[in-house]
């Protein structure tokens, strides 16, 4: 099912989700336009990761509608595997195949899902490994790379699928502090190139640098959906003021 989206790449309308009696998402609505970078932040347990996983159907919802590039994610007839092939997802833990070397990690889905031949898939993979600064590591296995390098491989793998949007679920939270910037640098570059991005993160420096908007969540609700300048300089809620006071060093 498709809809006219006035260039909105991701639309969430009144999305709610329960785990049993626990209401993890409550009436969440937002629109993310093509080329926008939206950072989702908030305290632990506020529903951020659940929200981003509903965008490509990894977490089903009980009510509301979600559209990505005109396709309704929440329609039972939608081919979610096909949808996910166009929406890149980068997780907190890198989700690389440990038994495949780096280039094969990038080639596999291209061959299986996009039906690219091996030569074309390998060429694309090598180009993207070069882009994330890992062209010298093609024959290594994930266990031979640092956490930051593995996460950059995960980003390159997602980009191999020519995604219309990229979702990042706390991509730096499992990394040692000195590895965080090497991953954020790749994400900043993607943002400047115009990739539509939805990013769950506590990295407020990244948000200040490249976000167009910030969604602030608390108890499964989107309390604020603001341009980044407004969110950082004059948040609308006391809860967001307290959050920023705690998370941003003085």
Protein backbone atom coordinates (compact mmCIF):
# COMPACT_ATOMS: atom_id res chain seq x y z
CA UNK A 1 0.00 0.00 0.00
CA UNK A 2 1.33 3.42 -0.91
CA UNK A 3 0.45 6.99 -0.04
CA UNK A 4 1.35 10.46 -1.21
CA UNK A 5 3.99 11.61 1.28
CA UNK A 6 4.82 15.21 0.20
CA UNK A 7 8.48 14.15 0.26
CA UNK A 8 8.15 12.73 3.77
CA UNK A 9 10.41 9.69 3.77
CA UNK A 10 9.18 8.34 7.13
CA UNK A 11 5.71 8.98 8.54
CA UNK A 12 4.53 7.77 11.95
CA UNK A 13 0.88 8.34 12.79
CA UNK A 14 -0.36 7.74 16.33
CA UNK A 15 1.84 4.67 16.85
CA UNK A 16 1.27 2.69 20.06
CA UNK A 17 2.78 -0.57 21.26
CA UNK A 18 2.41 -2.78 24.32
CA UNK A 19 4.45 -5.60 25.83
CA UNK A 20 1.65 -7.32 27.70
CA UNK A 21 0.25 -4.63 30.01
CA UNK A 22 3.27 -2.36 29.58
CA UNK A 23 2.65 0.54 27.18
CA UNK A 24 6.11 0.97 25.62
CA UNK A 25 5.00 3.46 22.91
CA UNK A 26 2.04 5.78 23.29
CA UNK A 27 0.52 7.75 20.39
CA UNK A 28 3.86 8.58 18.71
CA UNK A 29 3.63 10.73 15.59
CA UNK A 30 6.31 12.41 13.48
CA UNK A 31 7.37 13.03 9.86
CA UNK A 32 10.92 12.79 8.62
CA UNK A 33 11.51 14.36 5.24
CA UNK A 34 13.93 13.25 2.57
CA UNK A 35 17.46 14.32 3.51
CA UNK A 36 16.59 15.11 7.12
CA UNK A 37 18.65 13.90 10.05
CA UNK A 38 16.54 13.34 13.16
CA UNK A 39 18.10 12.41 16.50
CA UNK A 40 15.97 10.50 19.01
CA UNK A 41 17.08 10.97 22.61
CA UNK A 42 15.78 10.54 26.12
CA UNK A 43 16.46 8.57 29.30
CA UNK A 44 16.99 4.82 29.32
CA UNK A 45 13.72 2.92 29.00
CA UNK A 46 11.90 5.79 27.30
CA UNK A 47 11.12 3.74 24.17
CA UNK A 48 13.74 5.14 21.78
CA UNK A 49 15.06 1.82 20.46
CA UNK A 50 11.56 0.37 20.20
CA UNK A 51 10.42 3.41 18.23
CA UNK A 52 13.21 3.14 15.66
CA UNK A 53 12.69 -0.61 15.25
CA UNK A 54 9.03 -0.08 14.36
CA UNK A 55 10.10 1.95 11.31
CA UNK A 56 11.17 -1.15 9.37
CA UNK A 57 8.81 -3.58 11.07
CA UNK A 58 11.35 -5.22 13.39
CA UNK A 59 8.96 -4.36 16.21
CA UNK A 60 5.27 -4.77 15.28
CA UNK A 61 2.81 -2.20 16.67
CA UNK A 62 -0.71 -2.67 17.97
CA UNK A 63 -2.12 0.61 16.65
CA UNK A 64 -1.20 3.49 14.38
CA UNK A 65 0.37 3.62 10.92
CA UNK A 66 3.93 3.86 9.66
CA UNK A 67 5.01 4.68 6.10
CA UNK A 68 8.51 4.54 4.61
CA UNK A 69 8.99 6.01 1.15
CA UNK A 70 5.28 5.62 0.47
CA UNK A 71 5.01 1.98 1.61
CA UNK A 72 2.87 1.23 4.65
CA UNK A 73 5.02 -0.78 7.07
CA UNK A 74 1.98 -1.53 9.23
CA UNK A 75 -0.07 -3.06 6.38
CA UNK A 76 -0.24 -6.85 6.74
CA UNK A 77 0.23 -7.26 2.99
CA UNK A 78 3.54 -5.40 2.92
CA UNK A 79 6.61 -7.50 2.11
CA UNK A 80 8.76 -6.50 5.10
CA UNK A 81 11.87 -8.30 3.82
CA UNK A 82 11.72 -6.24 0.63
CA UNK A 83 11.11 -3.05 2.61
CA UNK A 84 14.07 -3.73 4.92
CA UNK A 85 16.36 -4.19 1.91
CA UNK A 86 15.79 -0.46 1.22
CA UNK A 87 16.11 0.75 4.81
CA UNK A 88 19.58 0.44 6.29
CA UNK A 89 19.75 -0.51 9.97
CA UNK A 90 22.83 -0.25 12.18
CA UNK A 91 22.54 -1.75 15.64
CA UNK A 92 24.34 -1.21 18.93
CA UNK A 93 26.06 -4.58 18.49
CA UNK A 94 27.44 -4.92 15.02
CA UNK A 95 25.51 -8.01 13.86
CA UNK A 96 28.24 -9.05 11.44
CA UNK A 97 28.51 -12.70 10.40
CA UNK A 98 31.52 -13.96 12.42
CA UNK A 99 32.27 -16.85 10.04
CA UNK A 100 32.54 -14.60 6.96
CA UNK A 101 35.39 -12.28 6.17
CA UNK A 102 34.69 -8.57 5.82
CA UNK A 103 34.16 -8.42 2.07
CA UNK A 104 31.85 -11.45 2.18
CA UNK A 105 29.83 -9.73 4.90
CA UNK A 106 29.23 -6.94 2.41
CA UNK A 107 28.63 -9.13 -0.65
CA UNK A 108 26.17 -11.68 0.75
CA UNK A 109 22.98 -9.61 1.00
CA UNK A 110 23.67 -7.88 -2.31
CA UNK A 111 23.75 -11.28 -4.02
CA UNK A 112 20.84 -12.83 -2.11
CA UNK A 113 18.46 -9.87 -1.93
CA UNK A 114 19.41 -7.49 -4.74
CA UNK A 115 20.47 -10.35 -7.07
CA UNK A 116 23.72 -8.62 -7.98
CA UNK A 117 26.40 -10.80 -9.50
CA UNK A 118 29.50 -11.45 -7.41
CA UNK A 119 31.73 -9.12 -9.38
CA UNK A 120 29.34 -6.18 -9.12
CA UNK A 121 28.63 -6.87 -5.43
CA UNK A 122 32.35 -7.11 -4.64
CA UNK A 123 33.10 -3.87 -6.48
CA UNK A 124 30.36 -2.09 -4.52
CA UNK A 125 31.60 -3.57 -1.25
CA UNK A 126 35.20 -2.52 -1.90
CA UNK A 127 34.11 1.00 -2.79
CA UNK A 128 32.18 1.36 0.47
CA UNK A 129 34.94 -0.18 2.59
CA UNK A 130 37.26 2.43 1.12
CA UNK A 131 34.73 5.11 1.96
CA UNK A 132 34.75 4.09 5.65
CA UNK A 133 38.54 3.74 5.67
CA UNK A 134 38.77 -0.05 5.85
CA UNK A 135 39.87 -1.06 2.35
CA UNK A 136 42.97 -2.79 3.78
CA UNK A 137 40.90 -5.16 5.93
CA UNK A 138 38.80 -6.99 3.35
CA UNK A 139 40.15 -10.47 4.13
CA UNK A 140 39.99 -10.17 7.91
CA UNK A 141 37.19 -11.60 10.04
CA UNK A 142 35.07 -9.46 12.39
CA UNK A 143 36.87 -10.79 15.48
CA UNK A 144 40.13 -9.39 14.10
CA UNK A 145 38.78 -5.83 14.03
CA UNK A 146 38.19 -3.31 16.81
CA UNK A 147 34.66 -2.40 17.81
CA UNK A 148 34.85 0.89 15.94
CA UNK A 149 36.06 -0.86 12.81
CA UNK A 150 33.29 -3.47 13.05
CA UNK A 151 30.68 -0.74 13.35
CA UNK A 152 32.09 1.03 10.27
CA UNK A 153 31.85 -2.30 8.41
CA UNK A 154 28.20 -2.55 9.54
CA UNK A 155 27.52 0.92 8.12
CA UNK A 156 29.24 0.02 4.84
CA UNK A 157 27.20 -3.19 4.64
CA UNK A 158 23.96 -1.24 5.08
CA UNK A 159 25.02 1.24 2.38
CA UNK A 160 25.71 -1.61 -0.05
CA UNK A 161 21.94 -2.04 -0.31
CA UNK A 162 21.43 1.51 -1.68
CA UNK A 163 19.05 2.44 1.15
CA UNK A 164 16.49 5.25 0.91
CA UNK A 165 17.00 5.89 4.64
CA UNK A 166 19.33 4.79 7.43
CA UNK A 167 18.30 3.88 10.97
CA UNK A 168 20.90 3.88 13.75
CA UNK A 169 20.10 2.36 17.14
CA UNK A 170 22.71 3.66 19.61
CA UNK A 171 25.55 2.85 17.20
CA UNK A 172 28.32 4.04 19.53
CA UNK A 173 27.08 2.89 22.95
CA UNK A 174 29.00 -0.41 22.88
CA UNK A 175 32.28 1.22 21.84
CA UNK A 176 35.29 2.31 23.85
CA UNK A 177 35.41 6.13 24.07
CA UNK A 178 38.37 6.49 21.68
CA UNK A 179 36.49 4.56 18.97
CA UNK A 180 33.32 6.64 19.05
CA UNK A 181 34.52 9.48 16.84
CA UNK A 182 35.63 7.20 13.99
CA UNK A 183 32.03 5.96 13.72
CA UNK A 184 30.45 9.39 14.22
CA UNK A 185 32.72 10.83 11.50
CA UNK A 186 31.26 8.37 8.97
CA UNK A 187 27.73 9.27 10.10
CA UNK A 188 28.44 13.00 9.83
CA UNK A 189 29.69 12.49 6.28
CA UNK A 190 26.52 10.58 5.39
CA UNK A 191 24.39 13.36 6.84
CA UNK A 192 26.21 16.02 4.83
CA UNK A 193 25.68 13.95 1.68
CA UNK A 194 21.92 14.13 2.20
CA UNK A 195 21.10 10.66 3.54
CA UNK A 196 17.78 10.51 5.39
CA UNK A 197 18.74 9.39 8.89
CA UNK A 198 16.98 8.54 12.14
CA UNK A 199 19.49 8.15 14.96
CA UNK A 200 18.96 6.99 18.53
CA UNK A 201 21.96 8.32 20.43
CA UNK A 202 23.24 10.03 23.58
CA UNK A 203 25.93 11.79 21.53
CA UNK A 204 24.64 15.35 21.85
CA UNK A 205 27.67 16.77 20.05
CA UNK A 206 26.63 14.77 16.99
CA UNK A 207 23.06 16.02 17.38
CA UNK A 208 24.19 19.63 17.58
CA UNK A 209 26.42 19.22 14.54
CA UNK A 210 24.19 17.48 12.02
CA UNK A 211 20.62 16.97 13.27
CA UNK A 212 17.81 18.94 11.70
CA UNK A 213 15.42 17.95 14.46
CA UNK A 214 15.45 16.27 17.83
CA UNK A 215 12.77 13.95 19.18
CA UNK A 216 12.86 13.78 22.97
CA UNK A 217 11.12 10.77 24.50
CA UNK A 218 9.96 9.93 28.01
CA UNK A 219 7.81 6.96 29.10
CA UNK A 220 7.02 5.93 25.53
CA UNK A 221 5.86 9.36 24.41
CA UNK A 222 7.46 11.94 22.12
CA UNK A 223 7.49 14.93 24.49
CA UNK A 224 9.32 17.24 22.08
CA UNK A 225 9.77 17.26 18.31
CA UNK A 226 11.81 20.39 17.70
CA UNK A 227 14.42 21.94 15.45
CA UNK A 228 17.78 21.26 17.12
CA UNK A 229 18.42 24.93 17.93
CA UNK A 230 15.14 25.20 19.83
CA UNK A 231 15.69 21.92 21.64
CA UNK A 232 19.18 22.79 22.87
CA UNK A 233 18.66 26.50 23.52
CA UNK A 234 15.07 26.57 24.78
CA UNK A 235 13.54 23.13 25.41
CA UNK A 236 9.78 23.25 25.88
CA UNK A 237 9.50 20.84 28.81
CA UNK A 238 11.13 20.74 32.23
CA UNK A 239 11.89 17.05 31.64
CA UNK A 240 14.02 17.90 28.59
CA UNK A 241 15.78 20.70 30.52
CA UNK A 242 16.67 18.24 33.28
CA UNK A 243 17.86 15.66 30.73
CA UNK A 244 20.13 18.16 28.97
CA UNK A 245 21.49 19.45 32.28
CA UNK A 246 22.50 15.90 33.19
CA UNK A 247 23.88 14.78 29.83
CA UNK A 248 25.80 17.83 28.62
CA UNK A 249 29.03 18.57 30.55
CA UNK A 250 29.30 21.99 32.14
